[in-house]
Amino acid sequence: MKRKQLFVEIVIALLVLLFVYTGSDKLLNRAIFSAQLAQSPWDLLKHNRELFSWIVPILELVVALLILLKKTKTIGLLMAGIAMLSFTLYVGIMLGTHQHLPCSCGGIIRYLSWSQHLIFNSIFTILSFVVFYLSLINMGFSTGNSNVENLA
């Protein structure tokens, strides 16, 4: 297995694990997730916490499923990147503007400090978009030659 292919496979496995883990934890502990959303300084999250307490974890699980399916892997990787970018921006905004920071993350990730969380999310955001780009190259959407075999 070539290095790029191994890199892609590892990142895909980590993304699936991350999204399944956090999505499942939020669904299994939905009352806690909803209560954490109620503490948000943003009215949109606060007033629609019941809706978001269902939508966010379901979308996380859908993203994981899309990444796992061969026909939807590339769109799943794009969605993972967008989701991670959204989560990263949320953490960054919270760090920059609010003193009381409710964490509505799933599982052990909620025990990270907000600075650690920002780094963690940033790394996964970058990895998501890198593997998405490699997926596009593999599909022939780039003028360069692909060195990643059997990505999709």
Protein backbone atom coordinates (compact mmCIF):
# COMPACT_ATOMS: atom_id res chain seq x y z
CA MET A 1 0.00 0.00 0.00
CA LYS A 2 1.44 3.36 -1.00
CA ARG A 3 1.96 6.10 1.59
CA LYS A 4 -0.73 8.41 0.19
CA GLN A 5 -3.24 5.59 0.06
CA LEU A 6 -2.39 4.59 3.64
CA PHE A 7 -2.73 8.23 4.74
CA VAL A 8 -6.15 8.47 3.07
CA GLU A 9 -7.37 5.22 4.61
CA ILE A 10 -6.24 6.27 8.10
CA VAL A 11 -7.89 9.70 7.81
CA ILE A 12 -11.11 8.15 6.52
CA ALA A 13 -11.16 5.70 9.42
CA LEU A 14 -10.53 8.52 11.92
CA LEU A 15 -13.27 10.68 10.41
CA VAL A 16 -15.80 7.85 10.48
CA LEU A 17 -14.84 7.02 14.05
CA LEU A 18 -15.10 10.68 15.09
CA PHE A 19 -18.50 11.29 13.49
CA VAL A 20 -20.02 7.98 14.63
CA TYR A 21 -18.68 8.45 18.15
CA THR A 22 -19.81 12.06 18.62
CA GLY A 23 -23.12 11.59 16.82
CA SER A 24 -23.98 8.46 18.80
CA ASP A 25 -22.98 10.05 22.10
CA LYS A 26 -25.14 13.09 21.40
CA LEU A 27 -28.13 10.90 20.54
CA LEU A 28 -27.65 8.61 23.52
CA ASN A 29 -27.30 11.63 25.81
CA ARG A 30 -29.70 13.88 23.93
CA ALA A 31 -31.17 15.47 27.06
CA ILE A 32 -27.69 16.56 28.15
CA PHE A 33 -26.85 17.80 24.65
CA SER A 34 -30.11 19.78 24.54
CA ALA A 35 -29.41 21.30 27.98
CA GLN A 36 -25.94 22.33 26.82
CA LEU A 37 -27.42 23.96 23.73
CA ALA A 38 -29.83 25.85 26.01
CA GLN A 39 -26.80 27.47 27.68
CA SER A 40 -25.51 28.81 24.36
CA PRO A 41 -25.14 32.58 24.16
CA TRP A 42 -26.72 32.40 20.69
CA ASP A 43 -30.50 32.67 20.57
CA LEU A 44 -30.72 30.50 17.46
CA LEU A 45 -29.25 27.52 19.32
CA LYS A 46 -30.93 28.36 22.61
CA HIS A 47 -34.47 28.68 21.23
CA ASN A 48 -34.20 25.75 18.84
CA ARG A 49 -32.24 23.39 21.07
CA GLU A 50 -34.66 20.48 20.66
CA LEU A 51 -34.41 20.68 16.88
CA PHE A 52 -30.60 21.03 16.92
CA SER A 53 -30.28 18.21 19.48
CA TRP A 54 -31.70 15.90 16.81
CA ILE A 55 -30.30 17.44 13.62
CA VAL A 56 -26.62 17.73 14.62
CA PRO A 57 -26.07 14.11 15.69
CA ILE A 58 -28.14 12.71 12.83
CA LEU A 59 -26.10 14.75 10.35
CA GLU A 60 -22.89 13.49 11.97
CA LEU A 61 -24.04 9.90 11.50
CA VAL A 62 -25.14 10.59 7.91
CA VAL A 63 -21.71 12.07 7.14
CA ALA A 64 -20.03 8.93 8.49
CA LEU A 65 -22.30 6.74 6.38
CA LEU A 66 -21.63 8.79 3.24
CA ILE A 67 -17.88 8.46 3.79
CA LEU A 68 -18.20 4.69 4.14
CA LEU A 69 -20.19 4.18 0.93
CA LYS A 70 -18.06 4.05 -2.20
CA LYS A 71 -20.48 6.06 -4.37
CA THR A 72 -20.85 8.88 -1.82
CA LYS A 73 -17.36 8.93 -0.28
CA THR A 74 -16.28 12.19 -1.94
CA ILE A 75 -19.43 14.12 -1.00
CA GLY A 76 -19.16 12.65 2.50
CA LEU A 77 -15.59 13.94 2.77
CA LEU A 78 -16.73 17.38 1.63
CA MET A 79 -19.53 17.34 4.19
CA ALA A 80 -17.08 16.24 6.88
CA GLY A 81 -14.83 19.16 6.02
CA ILE A 82 -17.72 21.62 6.09
CA ALA A 83 -19.00 20.22 9.39
CA MET A 84 -15.53 20.34 10.96
CA LEU A 85 -15.01 23.88 9.67
CA SER A 86 -18.35 24.89 11.19
CA PHE A 87 -17.47 23.31 14.54
CA THR A 88 -14.02 24.94 14.43
CA LEU A 89 -15.48 28.38 13.69
CA TYR A 90 -18.00 27.91 16.52
CA VAL A 91 -15.21 27.07 18.98
CA GLY A 92 -13.10 29.99 17.74
CA ILE A 93 -15.97 32.44 18.07
CA MET A 94 -16.84 31.12 21.52
CA LEU A 95 -13.23 31.46 22.64
CA GLY A 96 -13.03 35.00 21.33
CA THR A 97 -16.32 36.38 22.60
CA HIS A 98 -17.75 34.51 25.59
CA GLN A 99 -16.52 33.80 29.10
CA HIS A 100 -18.99 31.04 29.99
CA LEU A 101 -18.53 28.42 27.33
CA PRO A 102 -21.05 25.58 27.26
CA CYS A 103 -19.55 22.53 25.59
CA SER A 104 -22.05 20.50 23.63
CA CYS A 105 -19.55 18.04 22.19
CA GLY A 106 -19.95 14.31 22.43
CA GLY A 107 -17.97 11.79 24.43
CA ILE A 108 -14.49 12.37 25.75
CA ILE A 109 -14.02 15.34 23.42
CA ARG A 110 -16.05 17.44 25.88
CA TYR A 111 -13.18 17.10 28.36
CA LEU A 112 -10.72 18.98 26.15
CA SER A 113 -10.01 22.59 27.04
CA TRP A 114 -11.42 25.06 24.52
CA SER A 115 -7.92 25.78 23.19
CA GLN A 116 -7.23 22.06 22.80
CA HIS A 117 -10.63 21.70 21.17
CA LEU A 118 -9.78 24.43 18.64
CA ILE A 119 -6.52 22.64 17.75
CA PHE A 120 -8.26 19.24 17.54
CA ASN A 121 -11.01 20.60 15.27
CA SER A 122 -8.53 22.52 13.13
CA ILE A 123 -6.48 19.38 12.51
CA PHE A 124 -9.56 17.36 11.53
CA THR A 125 -10.80 20.21 9.32
CA ILE A 126 -7.50 20.26 7.42
CA LEU A 127 -7.38 16.46 7.17
CA SER A 128 -10.96 16.35 5.86
CA PHE A 129 -10.27 18.84 3.08
CA VAL A 130 -6.92 17.26 2.15
CA VAL A 131 -8.53 13.84 1.72
CA PHE A 132 -11.48 15.42 -0.13
CA TYR A 133 -8.98 17.04 -2.53
CA LEU A 134 -7.16 13.75 -3.01
CA SER A 135 -10.52 12.14 -3.73
CA LEU A 136 -11.22 14.74 -6.43
CA ILE A 137 -7.82 14.09 -7.99
CA ASN A 138 -8.54 10.37 -7.97
CA MET A 139 -11.87 10.99 -9.74
CA GLY A 140 -10.13 12.95 -12.49
CA PHE A 141 -11.34 16.44 -11.55
CA SER A 142 -7.79 17.75 -11.56
CA THR A 143 -5.33 18.15 -14.38
CA GLY A 144 -2.60 16.48 -12.32
CA ASN A 145 -1.92 12.79 -12.20
CA SER A 146 -3.25 10.84 -9.28
CA ASN A 147 -0.91 8.98 -7.00
CA VAL A 148 -3.71 7.72 -4.83
CA GLU A 149 -4.97 4.33 -5.93
CA ASN A 150 -8.37 2.94 -5.07
CA LEU A 151 -9.42 5.95 -3.03
CA ALA A 152 -13.09 5.80 -3.88
